[in-house]
N, C-alpha and C. Protein backbone atom coordinates (compact mmCIF):
# COMPACT_ATOMS: atom_id res chain seq x y z
N MET A 1 -216.99 62.20 45.48
CA MET A 1 -217.26 61.51 43.80
C MET A 1 -217.81 60.16 44.02
N SER A 2 -218.99 59.93 43.52
CA SER A 2 -219.66 58.55 43.49
C SER A 2 -219.33 57.72 41.97
N CYS A 3 -219.26 56.70 42.21
CA CYS A 3 -219.50 55.95 40.83
C CYS A 3 -220.10 54.80 40.92
N ASN A 4 -221.02 54.42 40.01
CA ASN A 4 -221.68 53.12 40.12
C ASN A 4 -221.64 52.49 39.07
N THR A 5 -221.52 51.06 39.23
CA THR A 5 -221.70 50.05 37.98
C THR A 5 -223.04 49.36 37.79
N PRO A 6 -223.72 49.41 37.02
CA PRO A 6 -224.86 48.96 36.98
C PRO A 6 -224.88 47.03 36.94
N TRP A 7 -225.93 46.40 37.33
CA TRP A 7 -226.16 44.99 37.11
C TRP A 7 -226.01 44.56 35.86
N SER A 8 -225.14 43.42 35.52
CA SER A 8 -225.30 42.90 33.95
C SER A 8 -226.58 42.40 33.68
N SER A 9 -227.50 42.23 34.61
CA SER A 9 -228.99 41.42 34.24
C SER A 9 -229.68 42.62 33.33
N GLU A 10 -230.31 41.65 32.36
CA GLU A 10 -230.73 42.41 31.35
C GLU A 10 -232.12 43.26 31.62
N ARG A 11 -232.89 42.96 32.59
CA ARG A 11 -233.89 43.79 33.41
C ARG A 11 -233.83 43.97 34.74
N PRO A 12 -234.36 44.85 35.23
CA PRO A 12 -234.43 45.30 36.75
C PRO A 12 -235.22 44.28 37.38
N LEU A 13 -234.81 44.08 38.59
CA LEU A 13 -235.85 43.58 39.79
C LEU A 13 -236.57 44.77 40.40
N THR A 14 -237.64 44.32 40.39
CA THR A 14 -238.55 45.08 41.18
C THR A 14 -239.52 44.38 42.15
N GLY A 15 -240.44 45.01 43.09
CA GLY A 15 -241.26 44.15 43.77
C GLY A 15 -240.71 43.19 44.72
N TRP A 16 -241.40 42.12 44.94
CA TRP A 16 -241.09 40.94 45.78
C TRP A 16 -239.65 40.43 45.57
N ASN A 17 -239.27 40.19 44.27
CA ASN A 17 -238.61 39.63 43.95
C ASN A 17 -236.89 40.42 44.64
N ARG A 18 -236.93 41.62 44.05
CA ARG A 18 -235.99 42.28 44.52
C ARG A 18 -235.37 42.26 46.02
N ARG A 19 -236.84 42.57 46.81
CA ARG A 19 -236.70 42.59 48.27
C ARG A 19 -236.23 41.16 48.62
N ALA A 20 -236.58 40.30 47.95
CA ALA A 20 -236.09 38.78 48.63
C ALA A 20 -234.76 38.75 48.21
N LEU A 21 -234.18 38.99 47.15
CA LEU A 21 -232.94 38.91 46.73
C LEU A 21 -232.11 39.82 47.62
N LEU A 22 -232.31 40.87 47.99
CA LEU A 22 -231.60 41.80 48.84
C LEU A 22 -231.30 41.22 49.98
N GLY A 23 -232.35 40.63 50.42
CA GLY A 23 -232.52 40.30 52.18
C GLY A 23 -231.86 38.86 51.98
N ALA A 24 -231.54 38.23 51.10
CA ALA A 24 -230.95 37.08 51.09
C ALA A 24 -229.33 37.40 50.73
N ALA A 25 -229.45 38.24 50.07
CA ALA A 25 -227.63 38.70 50.01
C ALA A 25 -227.10 39.36 51.14
N LEU A 26 -227.91 40.13 52.05
CA LEU A 26 -227.30 40.98 52.93
C LEU A 26 -227.08 39.50 54.20
N ALA A 27 -228.10 38.76 54.10
CA ALA A 27 -228.30 37.28 55.22
C ALA A 27 -226.95 36.50 54.82
N THR A 28 -226.53 36.35 53.86
CA THR A 28 -225.18 35.56 53.33
C THR A 28 -224.16 36.16 53.14
N GLY A 29 -224.28 37.50 53.41
CA GLY A 29 -222.86 38.28 53.62
C GLY A 29 -222.57 38.75 52.40
N ALA A 30 -223.37 38.82 51.35
CA ALA A 30 -222.73 39.08 49.80
C ALA A 30 -222.24 40.37 49.66
N VAL A 31 -221.46 40.94 50.67
CA VAL A 31 -221.20 42.15 50.80
C VAL A 31 -219.76 42.18 49.99
N LEU A 32 -219.14 41.20 49.48
CA LEU A 32 -218.02 41.32 48.52
C LEU A 32 -218.27 41.26 47.18
N THR A 33 -219.64 41.03 46.73
CA THR A 33 -219.76 40.75 45.61
C THR A 33 -220.79 41.68 45.01
N ALA A 34 -221.39 42.69 45.70
CA ALA A 34 -222.39 43.78 45.11
C ALA A 34 -221.50 44.48 43.95
N PRO A 35 -222.63 44.98 42.71
CA PRO A 35 -221.75 45.29 41.92
C PRO A 35 -221.53 46.83 41.79
N ALA A 36 -222.34 47.74 43.06
CA ALA A 36 -222.38 48.94 42.78
C ALA A 36 -221.26 49.71 43.82
N TRP A 37 -220.33 50.85 43.53
CA TRP A 37 -219.62 51.39 44.57
C TRP A 37 -219.56 52.96 44.54
N ALA A 38 -219.47 53.34 45.58
CA ALA A 38 -219.42 54.71 45.82
C ALA A 38 -218.17 55.06 46.39
N ASN A 39 -217.11 55.61 45.48
CA ASN A 39 -216.10 56.06 46.22
C ASN A 39 -215.99 57.49 47.10
N ALA A 40 -215.39 57.47 48.04
CA ALA A 40 -214.98 58.72 48.63
C ALA A 40 -213.70 59.02 49.20
N PRO A 41 -212.94 59.56 48.63
CA PRO A 41 -211.41 60.05 48.71
C PRO A 41 -211.15 60.62 50.19
N GLY A 42 -210.24 59.74 50.83
CA GLY A 42 -210.16 60.33 52.42
C GLY A 42 -209.34 61.59 52.46
N ASN A 43 -209.35 62.31 53.53
CA ASN A 43 -208.58 63.36 53.60
C ASN A 43 -207.22 63.07 54.35
N GLY A 44 -206.75 61.87 54.51
CA GLY A 44 -205.47 61.54 54.93
C GLY A 44 -205.30 61.74 56.36
N SER A 45 -206.32 61.87 57.37
CA SER A 45 -206.29 62.08 58.65
C SER A 45 -206.30 60.66 59.14
N ALA A 46 -205.64 60.35 60.40
CA ALA A 46 -205.52 59.02 60.93
C ALA A 46 -206.60 58.75 61.94
N SER A 47 -207.17 57.75 62.11
CA SER A 47 -208.03 57.54 63.17
C SER A 47 -207.30 56.94 64.29
N ALA A 48 -207.72 57.38 65.72
CA ALA A 48 -206.99 56.80 66.66
C ALA A 48 -206.64 55.25 66.67
N ALA A 49 -207.80 54.50 66.41
CA ALA A 49 -207.57 53.14 66.60
C ALA A 49 -206.46 52.52 65.24
N ALA A 50 -206.85 53.34 64.13
CA ALA A 50 -205.67 52.79 63.10
C ALA A 50 -204.16 53.31 63.60
N LEU A 51 -204.08 54.35 64.06
CA LEU A 51 -202.64 54.72 64.54
C LEU A 51 -202.16 53.85 65.98
N ALA A 52 -203.26 53.27 66.58
CA ALA A 52 -202.91 52.35 67.58
C ALA A 52 -202.44 50.96 67.23
N GLN A 53 -203.06 50.67 66.07
CA GLN A 53 -202.83 49.37 65.59
C GLN A 53 -201.75 49.30 64.66
N LEU A 54 -201.34 50.55 63.75
CA LEU A 54 -200.20 50.56 62.99
C LEU A 54 -199.73 52.14 63.06
N PRO A 55 -198.89 52.10 63.95
CA PRO A 55 -198.34 53.77 64.30
C PRO A 55 -197.57 54.28 63.19
N GLY A 56 -197.81 55.33 62.84
CA GLY A 56 -197.21 56.10 61.78
C GLY A 56 -198.01 55.93 60.36
N SER A 57 -199.23 55.29 60.43
CA SER A 57 -199.97 55.21 59.26
C SER A 57 -200.86 56.47 58.72
N ARG A 58 -201.22 56.62 57.54
CA ARG A 58 -202.05 57.41 56.93
C ARG A 58 -202.98 56.59 56.42
N LEU A 59 -204.32 57.16 56.13
CA LEU A 59 -205.76 56.74 55.22
C LEU A 59 -204.83 56.48 53.62
N GLN A 60 -205.07 55.44 53.23
CA GLN A 60 -204.55 55.35 51.53
C GLN A 60 -205.59 55.45 51.11
N GLY A 61 -206.83 54.98 51.08
CA GLY A 61 -208.19 55.07 50.30
C GLY A 61 -209.40 54.59 51.06
N GLU A 62 -210.52 54.80 50.55
CA GLU A 62 -211.83 54.11 51.14
C GLU A 62 -212.86 54.20 50.04
N ALA A 63 -213.77 53.34 50.63
CA ALA A 63 -214.89 53.13 49.36
C ALA A 63 -216.14 52.76 50.45
N THR A 64 -216.99 53.05 49.88
CA THR A 64 -218.43 52.61 50.36
C THR A 64 -219.36 51.51 49.61
N LEU A 65 -219.57 50.26 49.75
CA LEU A 65 -220.42 49.52 48.94
C LEU A 65 -222.04 49.73 49.48
N ARG A 66 -222.54 49.81 48.06
CA ARG A 66 -223.77 50.00 47.62
C ARG A 66 -224.48 48.67 47.16
N PHE A 67 -225.47 48.17 47.50
CA PHE A 67 -226.16 47.20 46.84
C PHE A 67 -227.74 47.61 46.78
N PHE A 68 -227.95 47.70 45.39
CA PHE A 68 -229.60 47.91 45.20
C PHE A 68 -229.96 49.55 45.81
N GLY A 69 -228.81 50.43 45.82
CA GLY A 69 -228.82 51.77 46.39
C GLY A 69 -228.56 51.68 47.74
N LEU A 70 -228.74 50.71 48.61
CA LEU A 70 -228.74 50.73 50.06
C LEU A 70 -226.95 50.55 50.40
N ARG A 71 -226.49 51.18 51.24
CA ARG A 71 -225.21 51.36 51.85
C ARG A 71 -225.22 50.00 52.69
N VAL A 72 -223.75 49.12 52.43
CA VAL A 72 -223.90 48.04 53.31
C VAL A 72 -222.57 48.26 54.30
N TYR A 73 -221.68 48.66 53.70
CA TYR A 73 -220.39 49.09 54.73
C TYR A 73 -219.43 49.86 54.06
N HIS A 74 -218.60 50.74 54.96
CA HIS A 74 -217.71 51.71 54.69
C HIS A 74 -216.38 51.08 54.85
N ALA A 75 -215.28 50.97 53.46
CA ALA A 75 -213.81 50.30 54.21
C ALA A 75 -212.84 51.28 54.09
N ARG A 76 -212.11 51.21 54.82
CA ARG A 76 -210.80 52.25 54.98
C ARG A 76 -209.53 51.26 54.87
N LEU A 77 -208.53 51.82 54.19
CA LEU A 77 -207.07 51.06 54.12
C LEU A 77 -206.30 52.17 54.54
N TRP A 78 -205.78 51.64 55.67
CA TRP A 78 -204.46 52.70 56.61
C TRP A 78 -203.22 51.96 56.09
N THR A 79 -202.15 52.62 55.47
CA THR A 79 -200.80 52.10 55.42
C THR A 79 -199.58 53.29 55.85
N LYS A 80 -198.32 52.73 55.92
CA LYS A 80 -197.27 53.50 56.11
C LYS A 80 -197.14 54.22 54.78
N PRO A 81 -196.27 55.36 55.13
CA PRO A 81 -196.15 56.36 53.87
C PRO A 81 -195.41 55.82 52.53
N GLU A 82 -194.41 54.82 53.34
CA GLU A 82 -193.72 54.25 52.10
C GLU A 82 -194.40 53.01 51.38
N PHE A 83 -195.56 52.96 51.69
CA PHE A 83 -196.64 51.70 51.09
C PHE A 83 -196.50 51.62 49.52
N ARG A 84 -196.11 50.53 49.18
CA ARG A 84 -196.23 50.23 47.48
C ARG A 84 -197.43 49.29 47.16
N ALA A 85 -198.45 49.76 46.31
CA ALA A 85 -199.66 49.02 46.14
C ALA A 85 -199.20 47.90 45.61
N ASP A 86 -197.94 47.57 44.48
CA ASP A 86 -197.72 46.50 43.62
C ASP A 86 -196.92 45.48 44.86
N ARG A 87 -196.63 45.87 45.89
CA ARG A 87 -195.97 44.90 46.88
C ARG A 87 -196.94 44.71 48.14
N PHE A 88 -198.34 44.52 48.27
CA PHE A 88 -198.87 44.94 49.45
C PHE A 88 -198.76 43.84 50.15
N ILE A 89 -198.53 42.58 49.69
CA ILE A 89 -198.27 41.53 50.69
C ILE A 89 -197.03 41.47 51.39
N GLU A 90 -196.01 42.33 51.26
CA GLU A 90 -194.85 42.38 52.08
C GLU A 90 -194.83 43.55 52.94
N GLN A 91 -195.97 44.17 53.22
CA GLN A 91 -196.02 45.65 54.01
C GLN A 91 -197.31 45.51 55.04
N PRO A 92 -197.21 45.65 56.27
CA PRO A 92 -198.48 45.79 56.93
C PRO A 92 -199.36 47.00 56.53
N VAL A 93 -200.80 46.56 56.83
CA VAL A 93 -201.74 47.41 56.55
C VAL A 93 -203.09 47.04 57.64
N VAL A 94 -203.64 48.12 57.87
CA VAL A 94 -204.96 47.79 58.11
C VAL A 94 -206.04 48.01 57.47
N LEU A 95 -207.11 47.34 57.63
CA LEU A 95 -208.36 47.35 56.83
C LEU A 95 -209.61 47.65 57.86
N GLU A 96 -210.12 48.76 57.89
CA GLU A 96 -211.40 48.67 58.71
C GLU A 96 -212.63 48.74 57.82
N LEU A 97 -213.52 47.92 58.26
CA LEU A 97 -214.94 47.87 57.93
C LEU A 97 -216.04 48.39 58.79
N GLU A 98 -216.67 49.57 58.21
CA GLU A 98 -217.72 50.14 59.09
C GLU A 98 -218.91 49.87 58.51
N TYR A 99 -219.73 49.02 59.22
CA TYR A 99 -220.88 48.27 58.71
C TYR A 99 -221.98 49.29 58.93
N LEU A 100 -222.73 49.29 57.94
CA LEU A 100 -223.97 50.20 57.71
C LEU A 100 -225.52 49.34 57.77
N ARG A 101 -225.24 48.01 57.89
CA ARG A 101 -226.27 47.17 57.99
C ARG A 101 -226.16 45.84 58.87
N ASP A 102 -226.77 45.24 59.52
CA ASP A 102 -226.89 44.37 60.16
C ASP A 102 -226.39 42.88 59.50
N LEU A 103 -225.53 42.30 59.92
CA LEU A 103 -224.75 40.88 59.40
C LEU A 103 -224.48 39.98 60.20
N LYS A 104 -224.88 38.67 60.03
CA LYS A 104 -224.42 37.65 60.97
C LYS A 104 -222.82 37.43 60.80
N GLY A 105 -222.01 37.17 61.97
CA GLY A 105 -220.84 36.80 61.76
C GLY A 105 -220.61 35.65 61.01
N GLY A 106 -221.18 34.67 61.36
CA GLY A 106 -221.19 33.43 60.52
C GLY A 106 -220.82 33.39 59.05
N ALA A 107 -222.05 34.38 58.57
CA ALA A 107 -222.06 34.38 57.30
C ALA A 107 -220.95 35.08 56.82
N ILE A 108 -220.20 36.11 57.41
CA ILE A 108 -219.35 36.92 57.02
C ILE A 108 -217.83 36.14 56.81
N ALA A 109 -218.00 35.05 57.75
CA ALA A 109 -216.66 34.22 57.74
C ALA A 109 -217.12 33.19 56.37
N GLU A 110 -218.03 32.82 56.28
CA GLU A 110 -218.18 31.68 55.11
C GLU A 110 -217.98 32.33 53.67
N ARG A 111 -218.51 33.75 53.57
CA ARG A 111 -218.08 34.46 52.38
C ARG A 111 -216.77 34.91 52.20
N SER A 112 -216.09 34.94 53.30
CA SER A 112 -214.66 35.43 53.38
C SER A 112 -213.84 34.10 52.90
N VAL A 113 -214.41 32.85 53.38
CA VAL A 113 -213.42 31.65 52.70
C VAL A 113 -213.61 31.59 51.10
N GLN A 114 -215.02 31.88 50.76
CA GLN A 114 -215.33 31.68 49.26
C GLN A 114 -214.47 32.95 48.63
N GLU A 115 -214.16 33.98 49.04
CA GLU A 115 -213.52 35.21 48.08
C GLU A 115 -212.25 34.68 48.48
N MET A 116 -211.70 34.11 49.42
CA MET A 116 -210.32 33.84 49.20
C MET A 116 -209.65 32.78 48.34
N ARG A 117 -210.31 32.23 47.98
CA ARG A 117 -210.24 31.16 46.89
C ARG A 117 -209.70 31.93 45.50
N ARG A 118 -209.91 32.98 45.48
CA ARG A 118 -209.75 34.06 44.15
C ARG A 118 -208.25 34.29 44.53
N ALA A 119 -207.92 34.28 45.59
CA ALA A 119 -206.32 35.21 45.78
C ALA A 119 -205.52 33.80 45.80
N GLY A 120 -205.89 32.56 45.80
CA GLY A 120 -204.94 31.56 46.07
C GLY A 120 -205.54 30.35 46.36
N GLY A 121 -205.14 28.85 46.18
CA GLY A 121 -205.68 27.98 46.24
C GLY A 121 -205.29 27.35 47.67
N PHE A 122 -206.24 26.52 48.52
CA PHE A 122 -205.55 26.18 49.64
C PHE A 122 -206.49 24.74 50.13
N SER A 123 -206.24 24.02 51.03
CA SER A 123 -206.95 22.82 51.13
C SER A 123 -208.24 22.76 51.82
N GLU A 124 -208.87 21.77 51.79
CA GLU A 124 -210.31 21.92 52.61
C GLU A 124 -210.25 21.80 54.15
N ALA A 125 -208.85 21.16 54.49
CA ALA A 125 -208.38 21.24 55.86
C ALA A 125 -208.33 22.62 56.30
N GLN A 126 -207.47 23.10 55.36
CA GLN A 126 -207.30 24.62 55.70
C GLN A 126 -208.62 25.67 55.77
N ALA A 127 -209.28 25.29 54.84
CA ALA A 127 -210.68 26.30 54.75
C ALA A 127 -211.41 25.97 55.89
N GLU A 128 -211.51 24.64 56.53
CA GLU A 128 -212.41 24.28 57.73
C GLU A 128 -211.70 25.04 59.11
N GLY A 129 -210.48 24.97 58.89
CA GLY A 129 -209.87 25.65 60.13
C GLY A 129 -209.88 27.20 60.12
N TRP A 130 -209.68 27.89 59.11
CA TRP A 130 -209.80 29.08 59.07
C TRP A 130 -211.28 29.69 59.35
N LEU A 131 -212.31 28.79 58.72
CA LEU A 131 -213.53 29.16 58.78
C LEU A 131 -213.98 29.00 60.54
N ALA A 132 -213.70 28.16 61.17
CA ALA A 132 -213.89 27.88 62.64
C ALA A 132 -212.87 29.20 63.21
N GLU A 133 -211.84 29.51 63.06
CA GLU A 133 -211.17 30.65 63.55
C GLU A 133 -211.84 31.90 63.19
N MET A 134 -212.31 32.05 61.91
CA MET A 134 -213.27 33.45 61.72
C MET A 134 -214.67 33.48 62.71
N ARG A 135 -215.53 32.17 62.27
CA ARG A 135 -216.70 32.11 63.31
C ARG A 135 -216.30 32.54 64.68
N ARG A 136 -215.13 32.07 65.27
CA ARG A 136 -215.00 32.51 66.83
C ARG A 136 -214.61 34.03 66.75
N ILE A 137 -213.69 34.46 65.78
CA ILE A 137 -213.66 36.07 65.78
C ILE A 137 -214.66 36.95 65.38
N PHE A 138 -215.44 36.70 64.45
CA PHE A 138 -216.29 37.84 64.01
C PHE A 138 -217.48 37.68 64.41
N PRO A 139 -218.00 38.57 65.32
CA PRO A 139 -219.44 38.83 65.99
C PRO A 139 -220.56 38.98 64.85
N ASP A 140 -221.95 39.21 65.26
CA ASP A 140 -223.04 39.39 64.51
C ASP A 140 -222.58 41.13 64.51
N VAL A 141 -222.68 41.85 63.52
CA VAL A 141 -222.62 43.02 63.42
C VAL A 141 -223.89 44.02 63.16
N LYS A 142 -224.03 45.27 63.68
CA LYS A 142 -224.84 46.33 63.79
C LYS A 142 -224.72 47.13 62.82
N ASN A 143 -225.75 48.19 62.58
CA ASN A 143 -225.13 49.60 62.07
C ASN A 143 -224.17 50.15 63.05
N GLY A 144 -223.15 50.71 62.42
CA GLY A 144 -222.15 51.52 63.07
C GLY A 144 -221.07 50.92 63.82
N ASP A 145 -221.23 49.16 63.98
CA ASP A 145 -220.09 48.72 64.22
C ASP A 145 -219.18 48.63 63.46
N ARG A 146 -217.74 48.48 64.15
CA ARG A 146 -216.59 48.23 63.03
C ARG A 146 -215.74 47.05 63.41
N LEU A 147 -215.38 46.52 62.41
CA LEU A 147 -214.16 45.28 62.33
C LEU A 147 -213.15 45.64 61.65
N THR A 148 -211.71 45.78 62.61
CA THR A 148 -210.72 46.25 61.87
C THR A 148 -209.69 45.13 62.12
N GLY A 149 -208.81 45.11 60.45
CA GLY A 149 -208.03 43.94 60.94
C GLY A 149 -206.56 44.24 60.54
N LEU A 150 -205.45 43.93 61.28
CA LEU A 150 -204.08 44.24 60.78
C LEU A 150 -203.45 42.85 60.26
N TYR A 151 -203.02 43.48 59.14
CA TYR A 151 -202.18 42.54 58.42
C TYR A 151 -200.87 42.32 58.76
N GLU A 152 -199.99 41.42 58.93
CA GLU A 152 -198.59 41.40 59.39
C GLU A 152 -197.91 40.43 58.67
N PRO A 153 -197.05 40.83 57.55
CA PRO A 153 -196.60 39.79 56.64
C PRO A 153 -195.63 38.94 57.65
N GLY A 154 -195.82 37.48 57.06
CA GLY A 154 -195.19 36.55 57.77
C GLY A 154 -195.50 36.03 59.33
N GLN A 155 -196.79 36.62 59.53
CA GLN A 155 -197.32 36.66 61.03
C GLN A 155 -198.69 36.02 60.71
N GLY A 156 -199.58 36.59 60.06
CA GLY A 156 -200.81 36.38 60.18
C GLY A 156 -201.68 37.86 60.57
N ALA A 157 -202.74 37.70 60.71
CA ALA A 157 -203.65 38.69 61.17
C ALA A 157 -204.27 38.60 62.44
N ARG A 158 -204.57 40.03 62.90
CA ARG A 158 -205.21 40.39 63.88
C ARG A 158 -206.45 41.24 64.14
N PHE A 159 -207.59 41.21 65.00
CA PHE A 159 -208.88 41.54 64.48
C PHE A 159 -209.26 42.33 65.82
N TRP A 160 -210.01 43.56 65.71
CA TRP A 160 -210.59 44.17 66.77
C TRP A 160 -211.76 44.56 66.08
N TYR A 161 -212.84 44.61 67.28
CA TYR A 161 -214.41 44.81 66.96
C TYR A 161 -214.58 45.77 68.07
N ASN A 162 -215.18 47.20 67.51
CA ASN A 162 -215.02 48.50 67.95
C ASN A 162 -214.15 48.78 69.01
N GLY A 163 -213.12 48.77 68.36
CA GLY A 163 -211.84 49.11 69.02
C GLY A 163 -211.22 47.73 69.82
N GLN A 164 -211.96 46.89 70.10
CA GLN A 164 -211.49 45.97 71.14
C GLN A 164 -210.88 44.70 70.59
N PRO A 165 -209.94 44.29 71.32
CA PRO A 165 -209.00 43.04 70.45
C PRO A 165 -210.37 41.87 70.35
N ALA A 166 -210.44 41.22 69.43
CA ALA A 166 -211.41 40.21 68.95
C ALA A 166 -210.67 38.75 68.74
N GLY A 167 -209.37 38.70 68.35
CA GLY A 167 -208.80 37.64 68.01
C GLY A 167 -207.71 37.73 67.18
N ALA A 168 -207.12 36.78 67.01
CA ALA A 168 -205.91 36.74 65.87
C ALA A 168 -206.14 35.19 65.00
N VAL A 169 -205.35 35.21 63.91
CA VAL A 169 -205.18 34.27 63.08
C VAL A 169 -203.65 34.05 62.87
N ALA A 170 -202.71 33.27 63.33
CA ALA A 170 -201.52 33.33 63.57
C ALA A 170 -201.15 32.31 62.10
N ASP A 171 -201.22 32.97 61.24
CA ASP A 171 -201.27 31.99 59.87
C ASP A 171 -200.78 32.85 58.70
N PRO A 172 -199.46 33.03 58.30
CA PRO A 172 -199.21 33.79 57.12
C PRO A 172 -200.02 33.52 55.98
N GLU A 173 -200.31 32.39 55.62
CA GLU A 173 -201.09 32.26 54.46
C GLU A 173 -202.34 32.77 54.52
N PHE A 174 -203.05 32.64 55.68
CA PHE A 174 -204.29 32.91 55.99
C PHE A 174 -204.45 34.82 55.91
N GLY A 175 -203.32 35.25 56.50
CA GLY A 175 -203.42 36.55 56.27
C GLY A 175 -203.25 37.24 54.99
N ARG A 176 -202.46 36.61 53.96
CA ARG A 176 -202.12 37.05 52.71
C ARG A 176 -203.38 36.88 51.91
N LEU A 177 -203.97 35.76 51.93
CA LEU A 177 -205.51 35.40 51.35
C LEU A 177 -206.55 36.23 51.95
N PHE A 178 -206.76 36.38 53.04
CA PHE A 178 -207.75 37.35 53.84
C PHE A 178 -207.86 38.70 53.08
N PHE A 179 -206.69 39.37 53.29
CA PHE A 179 -206.53 40.56 52.88
C PHE A 179 -206.35 40.60 51.30
N GLY A 180 -206.08 39.82 50.59
CA GLY A 180 -206.04 39.65 49.17
C GLY A 180 -207.65 39.60 48.58
N ILE A 181 -208.59 39.58 49.61
CA ILE A 181 -209.99 39.64 49.02
C ILE A 181 -210.32 41.10 48.68
N TRP A 182 -209.68 41.80 49.18
CA TRP A 182 -209.99 43.32 48.87
C TRP A 182 -208.38 43.88 47.93
N LEU A 183 -207.29 43.43 48.10
CA LEU A 183 -206.36 43.93 47.79
C LEU A 183 -205.51 43.21 46.41
N ALA A 184 -205.67 42.11 46.53
CA ALA A 184 -205.04 41.34 45.17
C ALA A 184 -205.69 41.50 44.04
N PRO A 185 -204.82 41.60 43.11
CA PRO A 185 -205.46 41.72 41.72
C PRO A 185 -206.77 40.67 41.23
N THR A 186 -206.80 39.70 42.11
CA THR A 186 -207.33 38.90 41.77
C THR A 186 -209.16 39.13 42.31
N THR A 187 -209.12 40.18 42.79
CA THR A 187 -210.20 40.50 43.87
C THR A 187 -211.64 40.29 42.72
N SER A 188 -212.80 40.10 43.61
CA SER A 188 -213.83 39.97 42.39
C SER A 188 -214.41 41.51 42.15
N GLU A 189 -213.75 42.41 43.07
CA GLU A 189 -214.18 44.08 43.07
C GLU A 189 -213.10 44.81 42.79
N PRO A 190 -212.57 44.90 41.54
CA PRO A 190 -211.46 45.49 41.19
C PRO A 190 -211.73 46.86 41.23
N ALA A 191 -212.76 47.63 41.52
CA ALA A 191 -213.27 49.10 41.49
C ALA A 191 -212.91 49.47 42.89
N MET A 192 -213.35 48.53 43.91
CA MET A 192 -213.00 48.66 45.16
C MET A 192 -211.51 48.67 45.46
N ARG A 193 -210.81 47.53 44.84
CA ARG A 193 -209.38 47.92 45.19
C ARG A 193 -208.79 48.93 44.84
N LEU A 194 -209.21 49.47 43.45
CA LEU A 194 -208.43 50.94 43.02
C LEU A 194 -208.89 51.71 43.89
N ALA A 195 -210.00 51.77 44.80
CA ALA A 195 -210.25 53.26 45.46
C ALA A 195 -209.60 53.05 46.78
N LEU A 196 -209.35 51.58 47.38
CA LEU A 196 -208.76 51.22 48.73
C LEU A 196 -207.18 51.94 48.47
N LEU A 197 -206.54 51.40 47.40
CA LEU A 197 -205.36 51.87 46.95
C LEU A 197 -204.88 53.24 46.72
N GLY A 198 -206.05 54.01 46.65
CA GLY A 198 -205.89 55.57 46.39
C GLY A 198 -205.58 55.61 44.95
N GLN A 199 -206.03 54.62 44.21
CA GLN A 199 -205.82 54.81 42.36
C GLN A 199 -207.03 55.10 41.65
N GLY A 200 -208.23 55.14 42.59
CA GLY A 200 -209.38 55.23 41.84
C GLY A 200 -209.76 56.21 40.83
N ALA A 201 -209.10 57.31 40.85
CA ALA A 201 -209.38 58.64 40.11
C ALA A 201 -208.48 58.21 38.59
N THR A 202 -207.69 56.95 38.66
CA THR A 202 -206.91 56.66 37.15
C THR A 202 -207.78 55.75 36.51
N ARG A 203 -208.96 55.30 37.02
CA ARG A 203 -209.67 54.41 36.34
C ARG A 203 -210.60 55.36 35.03
């Protein structure tokens, strides 16, 4: 099943300005604020990568981001069977992003810091430190690449690129705020949050 939310703009973008806006949005990592989602319920089977990073996990939910009708990435959330959505910050989870377009790693890192501010305040010193860490960890991605993150409460986050270790940020506050981009009630995309938490059908 798919569900689309239209732009709030009163008139559609066409021609050159539409292409220019799309190019700018993708180049700056605007994958977190696009307005249209297509949700695809999972079948509950676990991937080898998710099982390796979080043994005993299962697919909680998934959603595909679409921007002007073009697919940008597909997100999947893996959790333990006892997972509770209202207490996600207390439980380990794996979030997998399968990119369907080319994006710069630096742009993904910068956009992440912007979105993390929605889940909680932090200092400029923290922002600069986290941005440097993410720029180090996040590579430029191409169609078919996967970035996977493991949230470990009280420890931070670890990341994999196409199944290979990419790095870690050993800061519990970073882990909570980074995964809050998708899972916190303050997310800029509540429809995607519901889909990842397996609650999309209740909308």
